[in-house]
C-alpha atoms as a PDB file:
ATOM      1  CA  UNK A   1     118.605  75.634 206.320  1.00  0.00           C
ATOM      2  CA  UNK A   2     118.596  78.160 209.129  1.00  0.00           C
ATOM      3  CA  UNK A   3     120.996  81.007 208.527  1.00  0.00           C
ATOM      4  CA  UNK A   4     123.541  81.701 211.224  1.00  0.00           C
ATOM      5  CA  UNK A   5     124.477  85.360 210.978  1.00  0.00           C
ATOM      6  CA  UNK A   6     127.285  84.673 213.422  1.00  0.00           C
ATOM      7  CA  UNK A   7     128.938  82.062 211.188  1.00  0.00           C
ATOM      8  CA  UNK A   8     128.745  84.340 208.160  1.00  0.00           C
ATOM      9  CA  UNK A   9     130.233  87.114 210.279  1.00  0.00           C
ATOM     10  CA  UNK A  10     133.007  84.795 211.429  1.00  0.00           C
ATOM     11  CA  UNK A  11     133.692  83.793 207.817  1.00  0.00           C
ATOM     12  CA  UNK A  12     133.906  87.466 206.898  1.00  0.00           C
ATOM     13  CA  UNK A  13     136.389  88.184 209.694  1.00  0.00           C
ATOM     14  CA  UNK A  14     138.453  85.125 208.728  1.00  0.00           C
ATOM     15  CA  UNK A  15     138.426  86.136 205.059  1.00  0.00           C
ATOM     16  CA  UNK A  16     139.708  89.641 205.846  1.00  0.00           C
ATOM     17  CA  UNK A  17     142.357  88.200 208.175  1.00  0.00           C
ATOM     18  CA  UNK A  18     143.613  85.829 205.456  1.00  0.00           C
ATOM     19  CA  UNK A  19     144.218  88.823 203.184  1.00  0.00           C
ATOM     20  CA  UNK A  20     146.106  90.605 205.974  1.00  0.00           C
ATOM     21  CA  UNK A  21     148.229  87.490 206.527  1.00  0.00           C
ATOM     22  CA  UNK A  22     149.322  87.570 202.892  1.00  0.00           C
ATOM     23  CA  UNK A  23     150.255  91.240 203.021  1.00  0.00           C
ATOM     24  CA  UNK A  24     153.384  92.736 204.513  1.00  0.00           C
ATOM     25  CA  UNK A  25     153.168  95.171 207.386  1.00  0.00           C
ATOM     26  CA  UNK A  26     156.234  96.618 209.097  1.00  0.00           C
ATOM     27  CA  UNK A  27     157.236  96.376 212.724  1.00  0.00           C
ATOM     28  CA  UNK A  28     155.001  95.155 215.519  1.00  0.00           C
ATOM     29  CA  UNK A  29     151.840  95.098 213.392  1.00  0.00           C
ATOM     30  CA  UNK A  30     153.392  92.678 210.926  1.00  0.00           C
ATOM     31  CA  UNK A  31     154.677  90.401 213.693  1.00  0.00           C
ATOM     32  CA  UNK A  32     151.333  90.507 215.508  1.00  0.00           C
ATOM     33  CA  UNK A  33     149.344  89.500 212.439  1.00  0.00           C
ATOM     34  CA  UNK A  34     151.866  86.852 211.416  1.00  0.00           C
ATOM     35  CA  UNK A  35     152.136  85.155 214.797  1.00  0.00           C
ATOM     36  CA  UNK A  36     148.789  85.706 216.497  1.00  0.00           C
ATOM     37  CA  UNK A  37     146.133  85.798 213.752  1.00  0.00           C
ATOM     38  CA  UNK A  38     146.425  82.164 212.669  1.00  0.00           C
ATOM     39  CA  UNK A  39     142.776  81.208 213.181  1.00  0.00           C
ATOM     40  CA  UNK A  40     141.251  81.819 209.683  1.00  0.00           C
ATOM     41  CA  UNK A  41     142.056  78.513 207.970  1.00  0.00           C
ATOM     42  CA  UNK A  42     141.068  76.332 210.966  1.00  0.00           C
ATOM     43  CA  UNK A  43     137.850  78.360 211.207  1.00  0.00           C
ATOM     44  CA  UNK A  44     137.133  77.845 207.490  1.00  0.00           C
ATOM     45  CA  UNK A  45     137.666  74.100 207.918  1.00  0.00           C
ATOM     46  CA  UNK A  46     135.427  73.949 210.989  1.00  0.00           C
ATOM     47  CA  UNK A  47     132.624  75.912 209.329  1.00  0.00           C
ATOM     48  CA  UNK A  48     132.807  73.520 206.373  1.00  0.00           C
ATOM     49  CA  UNK A  49     132.626  70.577 208.767  1.00  0.00           C
ATOM     50  CA  UNK A  50     129.767  72.159 210.684  1.00  0.00           C
ATOM     51  CA  UNK A  51     127.545  72.402 207.617  1.00  0.00           C
ATOM     52  CA  UNK A  52     128.735  69.028 206.280  1.00  0.00           C
ATOM     53  CA  UNK A  53     127.789  67.109 209.408  1.00  0.00           C
ATOM     54  CA  UNK A  54     125.749  63.953 208.747  1.00  0.00           C
ATOM     55  CA  UNK A  55     125.386  64.623 205.016  1.00  0.00           C
ATOM     56  CA  UNK A  56     124.830  61.951 202.402  1.00  0.00           C
ATOM     57  CA  UNK A  57     127.670  60.504 200.330  1.00  0.00           C
ATOM     58  CA  UNK A  58     126.181  62.142 197.244  1.00  0.00           C
ATOM     59  CA  UNK A  59     126.367  65.540 198.950  1.00  0.00           C
ATOM     60  CA  UNK A  60     130.090  65.060 199.478  1.00  0.00           C
ATOM     61  CA  UNK A  61     130.543  63.990 195.855  1.00  0.00           C
ATOM     62  CA  UNK A  62     128.699  67.069 194.611  1.00  0.00           C
ATOM     63  CA  UNK A  63     130.790  69.322 196.872  1.00  0.00           C
ATOM     64  CA  UNK A  64     133.984  67.670 195.643  1.00  0.00           C
ATOM     65  CA  UNK A  65     132.999  68.359 192.018  1.00  0.00           C
ATOM     66  CA  UNK A  66     132.267  72.001 192.849  1.00  0.00           C
ATOM     67  CA  UNK A  67     135.602  72.456 194.642  1.00  0.00           C
ATOM     68  CA  UNK A  68     137.444  70.764 191.764  1.00  0.00           C
ATOM     69  CA  UNK A  69     135.977  73.231 189.245  1.00  0.00           C
ATOM     70  CA  UNK A  70     136.815  76.122 191.585  1.00  0.00           C
ATOM     71  CA  UNK A  71     140.415  74.918 191.821  1.00  0.00           C
ATOM     72  CA  UNK A  72     140.766  74.658 188.043  1.00  0.00           C
ATOM     73  CA  UNK A  73     139.466  78.197 187.506  1.00  0.00           C
ATOM     74  CA  UNK A  74     141.624  79.628 190.314  1.00  0.00           C
ATOM     75  CA  UNK A  75     144.805  77.884 189.162  1.00  0.00           C
ATOM     76  CA  UNK A  76     144.197  79.012 185.577  1.00  0.00           C
ATOM     77  CA  UNK A  77     143.756  82.602 186.751  1.00  0.00           C
ATOM     78  CA  UNK A  78     146.960  82.600 188.812  1.00  0.00           C
ATOM     79  CA  UNK A  79     148.905  80.830 186.063  1.00  0.00           C
ATOM     80  CA  UNK A  80     147.793  83.424 183.527  1.00  0.00           C
ATOM     81  CA  UNK A  81     148.833  86.279 185.815  1.00  0.00           C
ATOM     82  CA  UNK A  82     152.278  84.745 186.443  1.00  0.00           C
ATOM     83  CA  UNK A  83     152.827  83.961 182.753  1.00  0.00           C
ATOM     84  CA  UNK A  84     151.828  87.489 181.728  1.00  0.00           C
ATOM     85  CA  UNK A  85     154.197  88.976 184.294  1.00  0.00           C
ATOM     86  CA  UNK A  86     157.055  86.760 183.133  1.00  0.00           C
ATOM     87  CA  UNK A  87     156.441  87.724 179.517  1.00  0.00           C
ATOM     88  CA  UNK A  88     156.380  91.422 180.400  1.00  0.00           C
ATOM     89  CA  UNK A  89     159.562  91.249 182.463  1.00  0.00           C
ATOM     90  CA  UNK A  90     161.572  88.635 180.547  1.00  0.00           C
ATOM     91  CA  UNK A  91     160.268  88.972 177.025  1.00  0.00           C
ATOM     92  CA  UNK A  92     159.047  86.114 174.851  1.00  0.00           C
ATOM     93  CA  UNK A  93     159.785  82.788 176.519  1.00  0.00           C
ATOM     94  CA  UNK A  94     159.079  79.190 175.642  1.00  0.00           C
ATOM     95  CA  UNK A  95     155.879  77.913 177.263  1.00  0.00           C
ATOM     96  CA  UNK A  96     157.547  74.544 177.789  1.00  0.00           C
ATOM     97  CA  UNK A  97     160.523  76.117 179.575  1.00  0.00           C
ATOM     98  CA  UNK A  98     158.214  78.297 181.618  1.00  0.00           C
ATOM     99  CA  UNK A  99     156.117  75.317 182.768  1.00  0.00           C
ATOM    100  CA  UNK A 100     159.222  73.287 183.647  1.00  0.00           C
ATOM    101  CA  UNK A 101     160.126  75.713 186.443  1.00  0.00           C
ATOM    102  CA  UNK A 102     157.105  74.712 188.474  1.00  0.00           C
ATOM    103  CA  UNK A 103     157.147  72.075 191.178  1.00  0.00           C
ATOM    104  CA  UNK A 104     154.120  70.175 189.900  1.00  0.00           C
ATOM    105  CA  UNK A 105     156.002  69.077 186.793  1.00  0.00           C
ATOM    106  CA  UNK A 106     158.652  67.352 188.911  1.00  0.00           C
ATOM    107  CA  UNK A 107     156.349  66.067 191.666  1.00  0.00           C
ATOM    108  CA  UNK A 108     152.870  65.735 190.116  1.00  0.00           C
ATOM    109  CA  UNK A 109     151.425  63.225 192.610  1.00  0.00           C
ATOM    110  CA  UNK A 110     152.598  65.249 195.592  1.00  0.00           C
ATOM    111  CA  UNK A 111     151.197  68.410 194.038  1.00  0.00           C
ATOM    112  CA  UNK A 112     147.790  66.865 193.370  1.00  0.00           C
ATOM    113  CA  UNK A 113     147.360  65.505 196.887  1.00  0.00           C
ATOM    114  CA  UNK A 114     149.404  67.835 199.088  1.00  0.00           C
ATOM    115  CA  UNK A 115     150.150  70.994 197.149  1.00  0.00           C
ATOM    116  CA  UNK A 116     149.070  73.501 194.557  1.00  0.00           C
ATOM    117  CA  UNK A 117     150.185  74.388 191.047  1.00  0.00           C
ATOM    118  CA  UNK A 118     150.432  78.182 190.770  1.00  0.00           C
ATOM    119  CA  UNK A 119     148.635  79.608 193.801  1.00  0.00           C
ATOM    120  CA  UNK A 120     150.084  78.580 197.172  1.00  0.00           C
ATOM    121  CA  UNK A 121     147.031  79.680 199.141  1.00  0.00           C
ATOM    122  CA  UNK A 122     144.834  77.195 197.283  1.00  0.00           C
ATOM    123  CA  UNK A 123     146.178  74.339 199.397  1.00  0.00           C
ATOM    124  CA  UNK A 124     143.076  74.924 201.529  1.00  0.00           C
ATOM    125  CA  UNK A 125     140.768  74.110 198.617  1.00  0.00           C
ATOM    126  CA  UNK A 126     142.823  71.036 197.724  1.00  0.00           C
ATOM    127  CA  UNK A 127     142.541  69.912 201.338  1.00  0.00           C
ATOM    128  CA  UNK A 128     138.755  70.368 201.391  1.00  0.00           C
ATOM    129  CA  UNK A 129     138.478  68.553 198.049  1.00  0.00           C
ATOM    130  CA  UNK A 130     140.251  65.449 199.329  1.00  0.00           C
ATOM    131  CA  UNK A 131     138.364  65.462 202.629  1.00  0.00           C
ATOM    132  CA  UNK A 132     135.069  65.433 200.714  1.00  0.00           C
ATOM    133  CA  UNK A 133     136.358  62.630 198.484  1.00  0.00           C
ATOM    134  CA  UNK A 134     137.340  60.597 201.559  1.00  0.00           C
ATOM    135  CA  UNK A 135     134.065  61.310 203.362  1.00  0.00           C
ATOM    136  CA  UNK A 136     132.058  60.315 200.270  1.00  0.00           C
ATOM    137  CA  UNK A 137     133.525  56.816 200.622  1.00  0.00           C
ATOM    138  CA  UNK A 138     133.629  56.707 204.429  1.00  0.00           C
ATOM    139  CA  UNK A 139     130.460  55.853 206.325  1.00  0.00           C
ATOM    140  CA  UNK A 140     129.178  58.462 208.760  1.00  0.00           C
ATOM    141  CA  UNK A 141     129.101  56.151 211.791  1.00  0.00           C
ATOM    142  CA  UNK A 142     132.665  54.931 211.225  1.00  0.00           C
ATOM    143  CA  UNK A 143     133.868  58.490 210.663  1.00  0.00           C
ATOM    144  CA  UNK A 144     132.168  59.656 213.837  1.00  0.00           C
ATOM    145  CA  UNK A 145     133.818  56.903 215.884  1.00  0.00           C
ATOM    146  CA  UNK A 146     137.246  57.635 214.401  1.00  0.00           C
ATOM    147  CA  UNK A 147     136.998  61.385 215.007  1.00  0.00           C
ATOM    148  CA  UNK A 148     137.823  61.271 218.714  1.00  0.00           C
ATOM    149  CA  UNK A 149     141.000  59.315 217.939  1.00  0.00           C
ATOM    150  CA  UNK A 150     142.091  61.091 214.767  1.00  0.00           C
ATOM    151  CA  UNK A 151     141.589  64.688 215.946  1.00  0.00           C
ATOM    152  CA  UNK A 152     144.113  64.630 218.842  1.00  0.00           C
ATOM    153  CA  UNK A 153     146.521  62.386 216.923  1.00  0.00           C
ATOM    154  CA  UNK A 154     146.655  64.484 213.756  1.00  0.00           C
ATOM    155  CA  UNK A 155     146.757  67.844 215.528  1.00  0.00           C
ATOM    156  CA  UNK A 156     149.534  66.631 217.837  1.00  0.00           C
ATOM    157  CA  UNK A 157     151.577  65.659 214.771  1.00  0.00           C
ATOM    158  CA  UNK A 158     150.694  69.007 213.151  1.00  0.00           C
ATOM    159  CA  UNK A 159     151.993  71.059 216.079  1.00  0.00           C
ATOM    160  CA  UNK A 160     154.767  69.047 217.700  1.00  0.00           C
ATOM    161  CA  UNK A 161     155.827  67.159 214.596  1.00  0.00           C
ATOM    162  CA  UNK A 162     156.396  70.446 212.845  1.00  0.00           C
ATOM    163  CA  UNK A 163     158.203  71.961 215.828  1.00  0.00           C
ATOM    164  CA  UNK A 164     160.534  68.966 215.903  1.00  0.00           C
ATOM    165  CA  UNK A 165     161.120  69.018 212.160  1.00  0.00           C
ATOM    166  CA  UNK A 166     161.913  72.734 212.158  1.00  0.00           C
ATOM    167  CA  UNK A 167     164.463  72.219 214.916  1.00  0.00           C
ATOM    168  CA  UNK A 168     166.295  69.447 213.068  1.00  0.00           C
ATOM    169  CA  UNK A 169     165.671  69.709 209.327  1.00  0.00           C
ATOM    170  CA  UNK A 170     164.654  72.196 206.657  1.00  0.00           C
ATOM    171  CA  UNK A 171     160.888  72.695 206.931  1.00  0.00           C
ATOM    172  CA  UNK A 172     160.800  73.928 203.321  1.00  0.00           C
ATOM    173  CA  UNK A 173     161.325  70.368 202.140  1.00  0.00           C
ATOM    174  CA  UNK A 174     158.195  69.014 203.811  1.00  0.00           C
ATOM    175  CA  UNK A 175     155.956  72.056 204.296  1.00  0.00           C
ATOM    176  CA  UNK A 176     153.272  70.436 202.139  1.00  0.00           C
ATOM    177  CA  UNK A 177     152.783  67.678 204.738  1.00  0.00           C
ATOM    178  CA  UNK A 178     151.884  70.123 207.504  1.00  0.00           C
ATOM    179  CA  UNK A 179     149.638  72.164 205.240  1.00  0.00           C
ATOM    180  CA  UNK A 180     147.342  69.489 203.856  1.00  0.00           C
ATOM    181  CA  UNK A 181     144.083  67.593 204.155  1.00  0.00           C
ATOM    182  CA  UNK A 182     145.800  65.034 206.389  1.00  0.00           C
ATOM    183  CA  UNK A 183     147.006  67.139 209.312  1.00  0.00           C
ATOM    184  CA  UNK A 184     144.673  70.138 209.080  1.00  0.00           C
ATOM    185  CA  UNK A 185     141.710  69.374 206.853  1.00  0.00           C
ATOM    186  CA  UNK A 186     140.497  66.132 208.424  1.00  0.00           C
ATOM    187  CA  UNK A 187     140.832  67.094 212.129  1.00  0.00           C
ATOM    188  CA  UNK A 188     139.380  70.600 211.886  1.00  0.00           C
ATOM    189  CA  UNK A 189     136.516  69.533 209.618  1.00  0.00           C
ATOM    190  CA  UNK A 190     135.773  66.735 212.089  1.00  0.00           C
ATOM    191  CA  UNK A 191     135.777  69.254 214.945  1.00  0.00           C
ATOM    192  CA  UNK A 192     133.216  71.310 213.032  1.00  0.00           C
ATOM    193  CA  UNK A 193     131.026  68.228 212.673  1.00  0.00           C
ATOM    194  CA  UNK A 194     131.281  67.463 216.392  1.00  0.00           C
ATOM    195  CA  UNK A 195     130.281  71.036 217.262  1.00  0.00           C
ATOM    196  CA  UNK A 196     127.200  70.645 215.067  1.00  0.00           C
ATOM    197  CA  UNK A 197     126.256  67.322 216.667  1.00  0.00           C
ATOM    198  CA  UNK A 198     126.572  68.775 220.183  1.00  0.00           C
ATOM    199  CA  UNK A 199     125.146  72.176 219.345  1.00  0.00           C
ATOM    200  CA  UNK A 200     122.300  71.972 221.868  1.00  0.00           C
ATOM    201  CA  UNK A 201     124.685  71.046 224.677  1.00  0.00           C
ATOM    202  CA  UNK A 202     127.023  73.904 223.741  1.00  0.00           C
ATOM    203  CA  UNK A 203     124.162  76.411 223.731  1.00  0.00           C
ATOM    204  CA  UNK A 204     122.961  75.040 227.069  1.00  0.00           C
ATOM    205  CA  UNK A 205     126.195  75.798 228.901  1.00  0.00           C
ATOM    206  CA  UNK A 206     125.592  78.374 231.644  1.00  0.00           C
ATOM    207  CA  UNK A 207     127.130  81.737 230.713  1.00  0.00           C
ATOM    208  CA  UNK A 208     128.420  80.112 227.532  1.00  0.00           C
ATOM    209  CA  UNK A 209     129.322  83.377 225.781  1.00  0.00           C
ATOM    210  CA  UNK A 210     131.513  84.562 228.650  1.00  0.00           C
ATOM    211  CA  UNK A 211     133.230  81.195 228.923  1.00  0.00           C
ATOM    212  CA  UNK A 212     134.024  81.001 225.209  1.00  0.00           C
ATOM    213  CA  UNK A 213     135.249  84.591 225.193  1.00  0.00           C
ATOM    214  CA  UNK A 214     137.520  83.644 228.098  1.00  0.00           C
ATOM    215  CA  UNK A 215     138.848  80.710 226.055  1.00  0.00           C
ATOM    216  CA  UNK A 216     139.613  83.065 223.163  1.00  0.00           C
ATOM    217  CA  UNK A 217     141.432  85.523 225.442  1.00  0.00           C
ATOM    218  CA  UNK A 218     143.415  82.713 227.080  1.00  0.00           C
ATOM    219  CA  UNK A 219     144.257  81.468 223.589  1.00  0.00           C
ATOM    220  CA  UNK A 220     145.789  84.820 222.636  1.00  0.00           C
ATOM    221  CA  UNK A 221     147.743  84.870 225.905  1.00  0.00           C
ATOM    222  CA  UNK A 222     148.990  81.385 225.076  1.00  0.00           C
ATOM    223  CA  UNK A 223     149.972  82.624 221.606  1.00  0.00           C
ATOM    224  CA  UNK A 224     152.151  85.291 223.196  1.00  0.00           C
ATOM    225  CA  UNK A 225     153.750  82.686 225.473  1.00  0.00           C
ATOM    226  CA  UNK A 226     154.404  80.367 222.518  1.00  0.00           C
ATOM    227  CA  UNK A 227     155.933  83.257 220.608  1.00  0.00           C
ATOM    228  CA  UNK A 228     158.280  84.018 223.496  1.00  0.00           C
ATOM    229  CA  UNK A 229     159.251  80.354 223.910  1.00  0.00           C
ATOM    230  CA  UNK A 230     159.564  79.191 220.306  1.00  0.00           C
ATOM    231  CA  UNK A 231     160.072  82.413 218.331  1.00  0.00           C
ATOM    232  CA  UNK A 232     159.132  80.504 215.216  1.00  0.00           C
ATOM    233  CA  UNK A 233     156.275  80.459 212.751  1.00  0.00           C
ATOM    234  CA  UNK A 234     153.686  77.678 212.716  1.00  0.00           C
ATOM    235  CA  UNK A 235     150.401  77.471 210.838  1.00  0.00           C
ATOM    236  CA  UNK A 236     148.844  75.902 213.928  1.00  0.00           C
ATOM    237  CA  UNK A 237     149.870  76.256 217.549  1.00  0.00           C
ATOM    238  CA  UNK A 238     147.953  74.925 220.562  1.00  0.00           C
ATOM    239  CA  UNK A 239     146.770  78.503 220.989  1.00  0.00           C
ATOM    240  CA  UNK A 240     145.473  78.495 217.407  1.00  0.00           C
ATOM    241  CA  UNK A 241     143.347  75.451 218.184  1.00  0.00           C
ATOM    242  CA  UNK A 242     141.976  77.085 221.331  1.00  0.00           C
ATOM    243  CA  UNK A 243     141.223  80.428 219.639  1.00  0.00           C
ATOM    244  CA  UNK A 244     139.589  78.783 216.617  1.00  0.00           C
ATOM    245  CA  UNK A 245     137.371  76.473 218.649  1.00  0.00           C
ATOM    246  CA  UNK A 246     136.490  79.331 220.995  1.00  0.00           C
ATOM    247  CA  UNK A 247     135.428  81.515 218.067  1.00  0.00           C
ATOM    248  CA  UNK A 248     133.373  78.706 216.539  1.00  0.00           C
ATOM    249  CA  UNK A 249     131.604  77.910 219.811  1.00  0.00           C
ATOM    250  CA  UNK A 250     130.892  81.599 220.392  1.00  0.00           C
ATOM    251  CA  UNK A 251     129.394  81.835 216.897  1.00  0.00           C
ATOM    252  CA  UNK A 252     127.235  78.767 217.557  1.00  0.00           C
ATOM    253  CA  UNK A 253     125.940  80.257 220.813  1.00  0.00           C
ATOM    254  CA  UNK A 254     125.511  83.846 219.561  1.00  0.00           C
ATOM    255  CA  UNK A 255     123.624  83.059 216.356  1.00  0.00           C
ATOM    256  CA  UNK A 256     122.615  86.656 215.760  1.00  0.00           C
ATOM    257  CA  UNK A 257     126.121  88.082 216.228  1.00  0.00           C
ATOM    258  CA  UNK A 258     126.380  90.719 213.527  1.00  0.00           C
ATOM    259  CA  UNK A 259     129.368  93.063 213.456  1.00  0.00           C
ATOM    260  CA  UNK A 260     128.472  94.934 210.275  1.00  0.00           C
ATOM    261  CA  UNK A 261     126.631  94.509 206.986  1.00  0.00           C
ATOM    262  CA  UNK A 262     129.894  94.576 205.055  1.00  0.00           C
ATOM    263  CA  UNK A 263     131.559  91.805 207.090  1.00  0.00           C
ATOM    264  CA  UNK A 264     128.383  89.717 206.999  1.00  0.00           C
ATOM    265  CA  UNK A 265     128.085  90.190 203.233  1.00  0.00           C
ATOM    266  CA  UNK A 266     131.728  89.216 202.720  1.00  0.00           C
ATOM    267  CA  UNK A 267     131.253  86.055 204.760  1.00  0.00           C
ATOM    268  CA  UNK A 268     127.950  85.041 203.211  1.00  0.00           C
ATOM    269  CA  UNK A 269     128.412  85.944 199.543  1.00  0.00           C
ATOM    270  CA  UNK A 270     132.005  86.908 198.751  1.00  0.00           C
ATOM    271  CA  UNK A 271     134.392  84.838 200.879  1.00  0.00           C
ATOM    272  CA  UNK A 272     134.951  82.130 198.258  1.00  0.00           C
ATOM    273  CA  UNK A 273     135.565  84.622 195.453  1.00  0.00           C
ATOM    274  CA  UNK A 274     137.855  86.754 197.608  1.00  0.00           C
ATOM    275  CA  UNK A 275     139.824  83.714 198.728  1.00  0.00           C
ATOM    276  CA  UNK A 276     140.388  82.599 195.133  1.00  0.00           C
ATOM    277  CA  UNK A 277     141.338  85.969 193.635  1.00  0.00           C
ATOM    278  CA  UNK A 278     143.091  87.811 196.462  1.00  0.00           C
ATOM    279  CA  UNK A 279     146.530  86.366 195.751  1.00  0.00           C
ATOM    280  CA  UNK A 280     146.492  87.233 192.018  1.00  0.00           C
ATOM    281  CA  UNK A 281     145.389  90.756 192.989  1.00  0.00           C
ATOM    282  CA  UNK A 282     148.198  91.047 195.554  1.00  0.00           C
ATOM    283  CA  UNK A 283     150.635  89.679 192.965  1.00  0.00           C
ATOM    284  CA  UNK A 284     149.633  92.403 190.496  1.00  0.00           C
ATOM    285  CA  UNK A 285     149.845  95.146 193.145  1.00  0.00           C
ATOM    286  CA  UNK A 286     153.239  93.829 194.237  1.00  0.00           C
ATOM    287  CA  UNK A 287     154.536  94.448 190.721  1.00  0.00           C
ATOM    288  CA  UNK A 288     152.868  97.801 190.136  1.00  0.00           C
ATOM    289  CA  UNK A 289     153.431 101.417 191.275  1.00  0.00           C
ATOM    290  CA  UNK A 290     150.859 100.778 194.007  1.00  0.00           C
ATOM    291  CA  UNK A 291     153.486  98.726 195.805  1.00  0.00           C
ATOM    292  CA  UNK A 292     155.137 101.897 197.105  1.00  0.00           C
ATOM    293  CA  UNK A 293     152.193 102.393 199.493  1.00  0.00           C
ATOM    294  CA  UNK A 294     152.917  99.113 201.212  1.00  0.00           C
ATOM    295  CA  UNK A 295     154.767  96.011 200.147  1.00  0.00           C
ATOM    296  CA  UNK A 296     153.311  92.550 200.040  1.00  0.00           C
ATOM    297  CA  UNK A 297     155.045  89.249 200.393  1.00  0.00           C
ATOM    298  CA  UNK A 298     156.275  87.866 197.108  1.00  0.00           C
ATOM    299  CA  UNK A 299     153.278  85.959 195.839  1.00  0.00           C
ATOM    300  CA  UNK A 300     155.433  83.142 194.598  1.00  0.00           C
ATOM    301  CA  UNK A 301     155.570  82.296 198.279  1.00  0.00           C
ATOM    302  CA  UNK A 302     152.554  81.640 200.413  1.00  0.00           C
ATOM    303  CA  UNK A 303     153.705  82.454 203.925  1.00  0.00           C
ATOM    304  CA  UNK A 304     156.337  84.065 206.061  1.00  0.00           C
ATOM    305  CA  UNK A 305     158.365  81.666 208.138  1.00  0.00           C
ATOM    306  CA  UNK A 306     161.336  82.247 210.404  1.00  0.00           C
ATOM    307  CA  UNK A 307     162.268  85.451 208.587  1.00  0.00           C
ATOM    308  CA  UNK A 308     162.488  83.635 205.264  1.00  0.00           C
ATOM    309  CA  UNK A 309     160.089  82.897 202.447  1.00  0.00           C
ATOM    310  CA  UNK A 310     158.857  79.419 201.698  1.00  0.00           C
ATOM    311  CA  UNK A 311     158.613  78.661 198.004  1.00  0.00           C
ATOM    312  CA  UNK A 312     155.419  76.897 197.120  1.00  0.00           C
ATOM    313  CA  UNK A 313     156.215  75.642 193.634  1.00  0.00           C
END
């Protein structure tokens, strides 16, 4: 398969941004990253969908098996880190009592389909896993026809359903619904597939690069407007959708886009590893002397929301 340097570069940028999102920065910088740099996960989904377009059912099954193994290893790593920390800080504790504190024990079905066990950031991998499982049983033609209906429907629920819920109820109780394969995984992966199918048309747009850069800039301006209006955290705003799609289209058009060897290398070879281990690393730093050089969000929580932490287990 032809290598797209631009997509690897975009993956590298998204990977670095994810790490920044899970770190704590004071003042304006922290607010800017938290509210305006929401594109990484949608971009990851779209890149997955781009390369998964028109694949065989067996391909999806093989990918699902690979993701499942990756999840097991990543959850085991995070669980070991948390258990070790608890032992060091609380002394010898019962394994049974320790396990009982986690959400998956009380809501196992919900955790398997819509959550994670130890590592809150792994919801992305769970989402990809279930999308591949669904696609392995869902014919390509039927999926393609459904995409143009499901994408606007699911993303509308993702944005406005969450805004409504946050204004009326406690979002902590249902955060797993808005961060799942249903409302993010399926629509963004489908968008990636559509971009692949219409790649020639996208590349044929006159002054395509300038137009997509304009979309990205308008998206960031929209993000500022949404921040002023709502003053609340969302994983996905309308601006997030615009910025993410703009970045993907720009990467499709500018195939040789190459910011640096390091970013390209991260995107091509290291993004999966970094994604799986960055939270355990942050967790360890957060509980070490290194923390004095810059705090990180408590890694028993996966995101910052409305000036409060959201517990993920």
